[in-house]
Amino acid sequence: MQKEYEQELQYQVFECMQRNIEENLFERLLQEIQKNNSIYTLDQYEKVLKKHLPNEVRDMYVQYVKNGAARTADRKAYKYLMSYLKKITKEDLL
């Protein structure tokens, strides 16, 4: 039951985000991503958002890496965070 509820909620969030893109409501889309605190969702919409809100996208990635580095204790997790550092340092997010 709980899993079904989570899937339904995730689907509703996805639909809301798709509508925001279709209506060119990029700031609203970013706010929804921030509210849900989902780096995975940000990854999905990065190409669209960084065209309109590059500084905000970069800042979300920076915050994710900072928070992750503070909680991480193993090499595998640090390696994973490095992929986000590479995203941040790309010219299109600087």
PDB file of N, CA and C in Angstrom:
ATOM      1  N   MET A   1       0.823  -1.187   0.000  1.00  0.00           N
ATOM      2  CA  MET A   1       0.000   0.000   0.000  1.00  0.00           C
ATOM      3  C   MET A   1       0.871   1.256   0.000  1.00  0.00           C
ATOM      4  N   GLN A   2       1.887   1.284   0.872  1.00  0.00           N
ATOM      5  CA  GLN A   2       2.774   2.439   0.966  1.00  0.00           C
ATOM      6  C   GLN A   2       3.516   2.655  -0.356  1.00  0.00           C
ATOM      7  N   LYS A   3       3.967   1.571  -0.968  1.00  0.00           N
ATOM      8  CA  LYS A   3       4.703   1.671  -2.229  1.00  0.00           C
ATOM      9  C   LYS A   3       3.801   2.233  -3.327  1.00  0.00           C
ATOM     10  N   GLU A   4       2.562   1.800  -3.367  1.00  0.00           N
ATOM     11  CA  GLU A   4       1.614   2.306  -4.360  1.00  0.00           C
ATOM     12  C   GLU A   4       1.363   3.800  -4.160  1.00  0.00           C
ATOM     13  N   TYR A   5       1.255   4.215  -2.906  1.00  0.00           N
ATOM     14  CA  TYR A   5       1.059   5.630  -2.600  1.00  0.00           C
ATOM     15  C   TYR A   5       2.257   6.448  -3.060  1.00  0.00           C
ATOM     16  N   GLU A   6       3.468   5.956  -2.793  1.00  0.00           N
ATOM     17  CA  GLU A   6       4.683   6.660  -3.207  1.00  0.00           C
ATOM     18  C   GLU A   6       4.771   6.758  -4.729  1.00  0.00           C
ATOM     19  N   GLN A   7       4.407   5.693  -5.420  1.00  0.00           N
ATOM     20  CA  GLN A   7       4.437   5.714  -6.882  1.00  0.00           C
ATOM     21  C   GLN A   7       3.425   6.703  -7.436  1.00  0.00           C
ATOM     22  N   GLU A   8       2.254   6.747  -6.858  1.00  0.00           N
ATOM     23  CA  GLU A   8       1.224   7.691  -7.298  1.00  0.00           C
ATOM     24  C   GLU A   8       1.675   9.126  -7.062  1.00  0.00           C
ATOM     25  N   LEU A   9       2.259   9.372  -5.910  1.00  0.00           N
ATOM     26  CA  LEU A   9       2.758  10.709  -5.596  1.00  0.00           C
ATOM     27  C   LEU A   9       3.872  11.108  -6.562  1.00  0.00           C
ATOM     28  N   GLN A  10       4.757  10.189  -6.843  1.00  0.00           N
ATOM     29  CA  GLN A  10       5.849  10.455  -7.781  1.00  0.00           C
ATOM     30  C   GLN A  10       5.289  10.742  -9.175  1.00  0.00           C
ATOM     31  N   TYR A  11       4.277  10.019  -9.580  1.00  0.00           N
ATOM     32  CA  TYR A  11       3.652  10.252 -10.886  1.00  0.00           C
ATOM     33  C   TYR A  11       3.001  11.629 -10.936  1.00  0.00           C
ATOM     34  N   GLN A  12       2.335  12.037  -9.874  1.00  0.00           N
ATOM     35  CA  GLN A  12       1.688  13.353  -9.828  1.00  0.00           C
ATOM     36  C   GLN A  12       2.727  14.472  -9.907  1.00  0.00           C
ATOM     37  N   VAL A  13       3.831  14.305  -9.211  1.00  0.00           N
ATOM     38  CA  VAL A  13       4.908  15.296  -9.269  1.00  0.00           C
ATOM     39  C   VAL A  13       5.452  15.366 -10.688  1.00  0.00           C
ATOM     40  N   PHE A  14       5.654  14.211 -11.317  1.00  0.00           N
ATOM     41  CA  PHE A  14       6.161  14.170 -12.689  1.00  0.00           C
ATOM     42  C   PHE A  14       5.215  14.901 -13.639  1.00  0.00           C
ATOM     43  N   GLU A  15       3.913  14.648 -13.532  1.00  0.00           N
ATOM     44  CA  GLU A  15       2.937  15.325 -14.390  1.00  0.00           C
ATOM     45  C   GLU A  15       2.958  16.834 -14.190  1.00  0.00           C
ATOM     46  N   CYS A  16       3.054  17.258 -12.952  1.00  0.00           N
ATOM     47  CA  CYS A  16       3.114  18.687 -12.636  1.00  0.00           C
ATOM     48  C   CYS A  16       4.344  19.309 -13.284  1.00  0.00           C
ATOM     49  N   MET A  17       5.453  18.639 -13.209  1.00  0.00           N
ATOM     50  CA  MET A  17       6.690  19.162 -13.786  1.00  0.00           C
ATOM     51  C   MET A  17       6.609  19.221 -15.305  1.00  0.00           C
ATOM     52  N   GLN A  18       6.006  18.224 -15.905  1.00  0.00           N
ATOM     53  CA  GLN A  18       5.838  18.243 -17.366  1.00  0.00           C
ATOM     54  C   GLN A  18       4.980  19.435 -17.793  1.00  0.00           C
ATOM     55  N   ARG A  19       3.916  19.711 -17.056  1.00  0.00           N
ATOM     56  CA  ARG A  19       3.063  20.871 -17.366  1.00  0.00           C
ATOM     57  C   ARG A  19       3.849  22.166 -17.252  1.00  0.00           C
ATOM     58  N   ASN A  20       4.681  22.256 -16.232  1.00  0.00           N
ATOM     59  CA  ASN A  20       5.484  23.460 -16.046  1.00  0.00           C
ATOM     60  C   ASN A  20       6.413  23.685 -17.229  1.00  0.00           C
ATOM     61  N   ILE A  21       7.008  22.642 -17.735  1.00  0.00           N
ATOM     62  CA  ILE A  21       7.890  22.773 -18.905  1.00  0.00           C
ATOM     63  C   ILE A  21       7.085  23.204 -20.118  1.00  0.00           C
ATOM     64  N   GLU A  22       5.951  22.574 -20.327  1.00  0.00           N
ATOM     65  CA  GLU A  22       5.132  22.897 -21.487  1.00  0.00           C
ATOM     66  C   GLU A  22       4.667  24.352 -21.459  1.00  0.00           C
ATOM     67  N   GLU A  23       4.462  24.885 -20.293  1.00  0.00           N
ATOM     68  CA  GLU A  23       4.001  26.263 -20.162  1.00  0.00           C
ATOM     69  C   GLU A  23       5.167  27.240 -19.988  1.00  0.00           C
ATOM     70  N   ASN A  24       6.393  26.738 -20.150  1.00  0.00           N
ATOM     71  CA  ASN A  24       7.592  27.556 -19.985  1.00  0.00           C
ATOM     72  C   ASN A  24       7.674  28.205 -18.607  1.00  0.00           C
ATOM     73  N   LEU A  25       7.267  27.490 -17.614  1.00  0.00           N
ATOM     74  CA  LEU A  25       7.325  27.983 -16.242  1.00  0.00           C
ATOM     75  C   LEU A  25       8.560  27.400 -15.548  1.00  0.00           C
ATOM     76  N   PHE A  26       9.707  27.838 -16.008  1.00  0.00           N
ATOM     77  CA  PHE A  26      10.958  27.249 -15.545  1.00  0.00           C
ATOM     78  C   PHE A  26      11.231  27.523 -14.074  1.00  0.00           C
ATOM     79  N   GLU A  27      10.905  28.707 -13.621  1.00  0.00           N
ATOM     80  CA  GLU A  27      11.123  29.018 -12.209  1.00  0.00           C
ATOM     81  C   GLU A  27      10.238  28.149 -11.320  1.00  0.00           C
ATOM     82  N   ARG A  28       9.026  27.951 -11.754  1.00  0.00           N
ATOM     83  CA  ARG A  28       8.111  27.107 -10.972  1.00  0.00           C
ATOM     84  C   ARG A  28       8.594  25.658 -10.951  1.00  0.00           C
ATOM     85  N   LEU A  29       9.085  25.188 -12.074  1.00  0.00           N
ATOM     86  CA  LEU A  29       9.629  23.837 -12.149  1.00  0.00           C
ATOM     87  C   LEU A  29      10.799  23.688 -11.177  1.00  0.00           C
ATOM     88  N   LEU A  30      11.688  24.667 -11.183  1.00  0.00           N
ATOM     89  CA  LEU A  30      12.831  24.613 -10.281  1.00  0.00           C
ATOM     90  C   LEU A  30      12.375  24.628  -8.822  1.00  0.00           C
ATOM     91  N   GLN A  31      11.378  25.416  -8.517  1.00  0.00           N
ATOM     92  CA  GLN A  31      10.846  25.452  -7.148  1.00  0.00           C
ATOM     93  C   GLN A  31      10.289  24.094  -6.730  1.00  0.00           C
ATOM     94  N   GLU A  32       9.599  23.431  -7.646  1.00  0.00           N
ATOM     95  CA  GLU A  32       9.067  22.092  -7.335  1.00  0.00           C
ATOM     96  C   GLU A  32      10.204  21.112  -7.061  1.00  0.00           C
ATOM     97  N   ILE A  33      11.257  21.196  -7.846  1.00  0.00           N
ATOM     98  CA  ILE A  33      12.402  20.311  -7.650  1.00  0.00           C
ATOM     99  C   ILE A  33      13.054  20.610  -6.302  1.00  0.00           C
ATOM    100  N   GLN A  34      13.208  21.891  -5.985  1.00  0.00           N
ATOM    101  CA  GLN A  34      13.791  22.266  -4.702  1.00  0.00           C
ATOM    102  C   GLN A  34      12.920  21.805  -3.543  1.00  0.00           C
ATOM    103  N   LYS A  35      11.614  21.952  -3.689  1.00  0.00           N
ATOM    104  CA  LYS A  35      10.682  21.543  -2.628  1.00  0.00           C
ATOM    105  C   LYS A  35      10.786  20.045  -2.363  1.00  0.00           C
ATOM    106  N   ASN A  36      10.925  19.264  -3.427  1.00  0.00           N
ATOM    107  CA  ASN A  36      11.028  17.812  -3.289  1.00  0.00           C
ATOM    108  C   ASN A  36      12.455  17.371  -2.988  1.00  0.00           C
ATOM    109  N   ASN A  37      13.395  18.310  -3.087  1.00  0.00           N
ATOM    110  CA  ASN A  37      14.797  18.040  -2.782  1.00  0.00           C
ATOM    111  C   ASN A  37      15.307  16.798  -3.517  1.00  0.00           C
ATOM    112  N   SER A  38      15.053  16.760  -4.809  1.00  0.00           N
ATOM    113  CA  SER A  38      15.406  15.584  -5.598  1.00  0.00           C
ATOM    114  C   SER A  38      16.473  15.908  -6.635  1.00  0.00           C
ATOM    115  N   ILE A  39      17.672  15.443  -6.377  1.00  0.00           N
ATOM    116  CA  ILE A  39      18.766  15.646  -7.322  1.00  0.00           C
ATOM    117  C   ILE A  39      18.515  14.850  -8.596  1.00  0.00           C
ATOM    118  N   TYR A  40      17.835  13.735  -8.465  1.00  0.00           N
ATOM    119  CA  TYR A  40      17.557  12.893  -9.630  1.00  0.00           C
ATOM    120  C   TYR A  40      16.592  13.591 -10.586  1.00  0.00           C
ATOM    121  N   THR A  41      15.634  14.287 -10.038  1.00  0.00           N
ATOM    122  CA  THR A  41      14.702  15.050 -10.867  1.00  0.00           C
ATOM    123  C   THR A  41      15.430  16.222 -11.514  1.00  0.00           C
ATOM    124  N   LEU A  42      16.308  16.861 -10.779  1.00  0.00           N
ATOM    125  CA  LEU A  42      17.104  17.943 -11.359  1.00  0.00           C
ATOM    126  C   LEU A  42      17.933  17.418 -12.527  1.00  0.00           C
ATOM    127  N   ASP A  43      18.490  16.234 -12.379  1.00  0.00           N
ATOM    128  CA  ASP A  43      19.249  15.632 -13.479  1.00  0.00           C
ATOM    129  C   ASP A  43      18.380  15.469 -14.728  1.00  0.00           C
ATOM    130  N   GLN A  44      17.138  15.072 -14.532  1.00  0.00           N
ATOM    131  CA  GLN A  44      16.228  14.860 -15.667  1.00  0.00           C
ATOM    132  C   GLN A  44      15.941  16.144 -16.421  1.00  0.00           C
ATOM    133  N   TYR A  45      15.820  17.244 -15.699  1.00  0.00           N
ATOM    134  CA  TYR A  45      15.419  18.509 -16.305  1.00  0.00           C
ATOM    135  C   TYR A  45      16.583  19.497 -16.451  1.00  0.00           C
ATOM    136  N   GLU A  46      17.779  19.029 -16.221  1.00  0.00           N
ATOM    137  CA  GLU A  46      18.949  19.917 -16.248  1.00  0.00           C
ATOM    138  C   GLU A  46      19.086  20.665 -17.569  1.00  0.00           C
ATOM    139  N   LYS A  47      18.973  19.968 -18.680  1.00  0.00           N
ATOM    140  CA  LYS A  47      19.162  20.620 -19.987  1.00  0.00           C
ATOM    141  C   LYS A  47      18.176  21.760 -20.210  1.00  0.00           C
ATOM    142  N   VAL A  48      16.953  21.553 -19.818  1.00  0.00           N
ATOM    143  CA  VAL A  48      15.932  22.584 -19.995  1.00  0.00           C
ATOM    144  C   VAL A  48      16.173  23.745 -19.042  1.00  0.00           C
ATOM    145  N   LEU A  49      16.433  23.423 -17.799  1.00  0.00           N
ATOM    146  CA  LEU A  49      16.557  24.462 -16.782  1.00  0.00           C
ATOM    147  C   LEU A  49      17.830  25.294 -16.924  1.00  0.00           C
ATOM    148  N   LYS A  50      18.932  24.657 -17.288  1.00  0.00           N
ATOM    149  CA  LYS A  50      20.177  25.418 -17.336  1.00  0.00           C
ATOM    150  C   LYS A  50      20.190  26.451 -18.457  1.00  0.00           C
ATOM    151  N   LYS A  51      19.309  26.306 -19.431  1.00  0.00           N
ATOM    152  CA  LYS A  51      19.190  27.320 -20.481  1.00  0.00           C
ATOM    153  C   LYS A  51      18.577  28.601 -19.934  1.00  0.00           C
ATOM    154  N   HIS A  52      17.698  28.458 -18.956  1.00  0.00           N
ATOM    155  CA  HIS A  52      16.954  29.599 -18.433  1.00  0.00           C
ATOM    156  C   HIS A  52      17.401  30.030 -17.039  1.00  0.00           C
ATOM    157  N   LEU A  53      17.871  29.082 -16.252  1.00  0.00           N
ATOM    158  CA  LEU A  53      18.254  29.375 -14.861  1.00  0.00           C
ATOM    159  C   LEU A  53      19.589  28.700 -14.520  1.00  0.00           C
ATOM    160  N   PRO A  54      20.646  29.018 -15.242  1.00  0.00           N
ATOM    161  CA  PRO A  54      21.915  28.292 -15.038  1.00  0.00           C
ATOM    162  C   PRO A  54      22.507  28.463 -13.639  1.00  0.00           C
ATOM    163  N   ASN A  55      22.419  29.648 -13.075  1.00  0.00           N
ATOM    164  CA  ASN A  55      22.994  29.868 -11.739  1.00  0.00           C
ATOM    165  C   ASN A  55      22.258  29.072 -10.676  1.00  0.00           C
ATOM    166  N   GLU A  56      20.950  29.009 -10.789  1.00  0.00           N
ATOM    167  CA  GLU A  56      20.158  28.272  -9.807  1.00  0.00           C
ATOM    168  C   GLU A  56      20.424  26.771  -9.893  1.00  0.00           C
ATOM    169  N   VAL A  57      20.560  26.268 -11.115  1.00  0.00           N
ATOM    170  CA  VAL A  57      20.865  24.841 -11.296  1.00  0.00           C
ATOM    171  C   VAL A  57      22.231  24.538 -10.692  1.00  0.00           C
ATOM    172  N   ARG A  58      23.207  25.370 -11.016  1.00  0.00           N
ATOM    173  CA  ARG A  58      24.552  25.195 -10.462  1.00  0.00           C
ATOM    174  C   ARG A  58      24.512  25.214  -8.933  1.00  0.00           C
ATOM    175  N   ASP A  59      23.782  26.174  -8.371  1.00  0.00           N
ATOM    176  CA  ASP A  59      23.714  26.293  -6.915  1.00  0.00           C
ATOM    177  C   ASP A  59      23.092  25.052  -6.265  1.00  0.00           C
ATOM    178  N   MET A  60      22.104  24.472  -6.919  1.00  0.00           N
ATOM    179  CA  MET A  60      21.495  23.246  -6.372  1.00  0.00           C
ATOM    180  C   MET A  60      22.501  22.099  -6.376  1.00  0.00           C
ATOM    181  N   TYR A  61      23.265  21.988  -7.461  1.00  0.00           N
ATOM    182  CA  TYR A  61      24.289  20.943  -7.519  1.00  0.00           C
ATOM    183  C   TYR A  61      25.371  21.180  -6.461  1.00  0.00           C
ATOM    184  N   VAL A  62      25.792  22.418  -6.286  1.00  0.00           N
ATOM    185  CA  VAL A  62      26.806  22.741  -5.276  1.00  0.00           C
ATOM    186  C   VAL A  62      26.307  22.346  -3.894  1.00  0.00           C
ATOM    187  N   GLN A  63      25.077  22.699  -3.591  1.00  0.00           N
ATOM    188  CA  GLN A  63      24.507  22.361  -2.282  1.00  0.00           C
ATOM    189  C   GLN A  63      24.425  20.848  -2.085  1.00  0.00           C
ATOM    190  N   TYR A  64      24.058  20.138  -3.142  1.00  0.00           N
ATOM    191  CA  TYR A  64      23.978  18.677  -3.061  1.00  0.00           C
ATOM    192  C   TYR A  64      25.352  18.071  -2.750  1.00  0.00           C
ATOM    193  N   VAL A  65      26.378  18.557  -3.436  1.00  0.00           N
ATOM    194  CA  VAL A  65      27.730  18.036  -3.211  1.00  0.00           C
ATOM    195  C   VAL A  65      28.202  18.365  -1.797  1.00  0.00           C
ATOM    196  N   LYS A  66      27.957  19.586  -1.344  1.00  0.00           N
ATOM    197  CA  LYS A  66      28.357  19.957   0.017  1.00  0.00           C
ATOM    198  C   LYS A  66      27.684  19.066   1.054  1.00  0.00           C
ATOM    199  N   ASN A  67      26.385  18.889   0.912  1.00  0.00           N
ATOM    200  CA  ASN A  67      25.650  18.050   1.868  1.00  0.00           C
ATOM    201  C   ASN A  67      26.106  16.602   1.791  1.00  0.00           C
ATOM    202  N   GLY A  68      26.317  16.114   0.588  1.00  0.00           N
ATOM    203  CA  GLY A  68      26.751  14.734   0.417  1.00  0.00           C
ATOM    204  C   GLY A  68      28.136  14.491   0.975  1.00  0.00           C
ATOM    205  N   ALA A  69      29.038  15.437   0.771  1.00  0.00           N
ATOM    206  CA  ALA A  69      30.407  15.281   1.261  1.00  0.00           C
ATOM    207  C   ALA A  69      30.442  15.266   2.790  1.00  0.00           C
ATOM    208  N   ALA A  70      29.557  16.007   3.405  1.00  0.00           N
ATOM    209  CA  ALA A  70      29.517  16.038   4.872  1.00  0.00           C
ATOM    210  C   ALA A  70      29.032  14.715   5.456  1.00  0.00           C
ATOM    211  N   ARG A  71      28.216  13.983   4.704  1.00  0.00           N
ATOM    212  CA  ARG A  71      27.641  12.729   5.209  1.00  0.00           C
ATOM    213  C   ARG A  71      28.374  11.490   4.718  1.00  0.00           C
ATOM    214  N   THR A  72      29.251  11.633   3.764  1.00  0.00           N
ATOM    215  CA  THR A  72      29.865  10.490   3.092  1.00  0.00           C
ATOM    216  C   THR A  72      31.138  10.051   3.788  1.00  0.00           C
ATOM    217  N   ALA A  73      31.330   8.736   3.813  1.00  0.00           N
ATOM    218  CA  ALA A  73      32.518   8.213   4.475  1.00  0.00           C
ATOM    219  C   ALA A  73      33.261   7.171   3.643  1.00  0.00           C
ATOM    220  N   ASP A  74      32.763   6.835   2.466  1.00  0.00           N
ATOM    221  CA  ASP A  74      33.458   5.810   1.685  1.00  0.00           C
ATOM    222  C   ASP A  74      33.815   6.314   0.283  1.00  0.00           C
ATOM    223  N   ARG A  75      34.744   5.626  -0.335  1.00  0.00           N
ATOM    224  CA  ARG A  75      35.267   6.044  -1.641  1.00  0.00           C
ATOM    225  C   ARG A  75      34.214   6.002  -2.735  1.00  0.00           C
ATOM    226  N   LYS A  76      33.348   5.013  -2.685  1.00  0.00           N
ATOM    227  CA  LYS A  76      32.326   4.878  -3.715  1.00  0.00           C
ATOM    228  C   LYS A  76      31.404   6.101  -3.728  1.00  0.00           C
ATOM    229  N   ALA A  77      31.020   6.543  -2.550  1.00  0.00           N
ATOM    230  CA  ALA A  77      30.141   7.711  -2.458  1.00  0.00           C
ATOM    231  C   ALA A  77      30.869   8.974  -2.916  1.00  0.00           C
ATOM    232  N   TYR A  78      32.138   9.117  -2.555  1.00  0.00           N
ATOM    233  CA  TYR A  78      32.901  10.275  -3.009  1.00  0.00           C
ATOM    234  C   TYR A  78      33.046  10.267  -4.533  1.00  0.00           C
ATOM    235  N   LYS A  79      33.250   9.098  -5.089  1.00  0.00           N
ATOM    236  CA  LYS A  79      33.360   8.977  -6.550  1.00  0.00           C
ATOM    237  C   LYS A  79      32.054   9.416  -7.213  1.00  0.00           C
ATOM    238  N   TYR A  80      30.953   9.037  -6.622  1.00  0.00           N
ATOM    239  CA  TYR A  80      29.647   9.441  -7.136  1.00  0.00           C
ATOM    240  C   TYR A  80      29.500  10.966  -7.091  1.00  0.00           C
ATOM    241  N   LEU A  81      29.918  11.569  -5.988  1.00  0.00           N
ATOM    242  CA  LEU A  81      29.840  13.029  -5.861  1.00  0.00           C
ATOM    243  C   LEU A  81      30.749  13.723  -6.876  1.00  0.00           C
ATOM    244  N   MET A  82      31.831  13.069  -7.248  1.00  0.00           N
ATOM    245  CA  MET A  82      32.737  13.655  -8.248  1.00  0.00           C
ATOM    246  C   MET A  82      32.028  13.879  -9.583  1.00  0.00           C
ATOM    247  N   SER A  83      31.079  13.015  -9.917  1.00  0.00           N
ATOM    248  CA  SER A  83      30.347  13.213 -11.172  1.00  0.00           C
ATOM    249  C   SER A  83      29.572  14.534 -11.138  1.00  0.00           C
ATOM    250  N   TYR A  84      29.106  14.912  -9.962  1.00  0.00           N
ATOM    251  CA  TYR A  84      28.399  16.190  -9.838  1.00  0.00           C
ATOM    252  C   TYR A  84      29.369  17.372  -9.829  1.00  0.00           C
ATOM    253  N   LEU A  85      30.552  17.168  -9.273  1.00  0.00           N
ATOM    254  CA  LEU A  85      31.559  18.227  -9.345  1.00  0.00           C
ATOM    255  C   LEU A  85      31.939  18.500 -10.800  1.00  0.00           C
ATOM    256  N   LYS A  86      32.003  17.453 -11.584  1.00  0.00           N
ATOM    257  CA  LYS A  86      32.314  17.621 -13.011  1.00  0.00           C
ATOM    258  C   LYS A  86      31.197  18.391 -13.713  1.00  0.00           C
ATOM    259  N   LYS A  87      29.954  18.114 -13.355  1.00  0.00           N
ATOM    260  CA  LYS A  87      28.834  18.862 -13.931  1.00  0.00           C
ATOM    261  C   LYS A  87      28.929  20.346 -13.587  1.00  0.00           C
ATOM    262  N   ILE A  88      29.264  20.611 -12.343  1.00  0.00           N
ATOM    263  CA  ILE A  88      29.339  21.992 -11.867  1.00  0.00           C
ATOM    264  C   ILE A  88      30.431  22.756 -12.601  1.00  0.00           C
ATOM    265  N   THR A  89      31.534  22.101 -12.851  1.00  0.00           N
ATOM    266  CA  THR A  89      32.665  22.787 -13.466  1.00  0.00           C
ATOM    267  C   THR A  89      32.586  22.875 -14.980  1.00  0.00           C
ATOM    268  N   LYS A  90      31.612  22.245 -15.582  1.00  0.00           N
ATOM    269  CA  LYS A  90      31.420  22.390 -17.023  1.00  0.00           C
ATOM    270  C   LYS A  90      31.176  23.856 -17.342  1.00  0.00           C
ATOM    271  N   GLU A  91      31.616  24.279 -18.485  1.00  0.00           N
ATOM    272  CA  GLU A  91      31.452  25.683 -18.881  1.00  0.00           C
ATOM    273  C   GLU A  91      29.995  26.120 -18.887  1.00  0.00           C
ATOM    274  N   ASP A  92      29.096  25.247 -19.251  1.00  0.00           N
ATOM    275  CA  ASP A  92      27.695  25.661 -19.363  1.00  0.00           C
ATOM    276  C   ASP A  92      26.992  25.838 -18.026  1.00  0.00           C
ATOM    277  N   LEU A  93      27.638  25.449 -16.925  1.00  0.00           N
ATOM    278  CA  LEU A  93      27.048  25.702 -15.606  1.00  0.00           C
ATOM    279  C   LEU A  93      27.840  26.722 -14.797  1.00  0.00           C
ATOM    280  N   LEU A  94      28.938  27.191 -15.348  1.00  0.00           N
ATOM    281  CA  LEU A  94      29.726  28.213 -14.619  1.00  0.00           C
ATOM    282  C   LEU A  94      29.226  29.595 -14.918  1.00  0.00           C
TER     283      LEU A  94
END
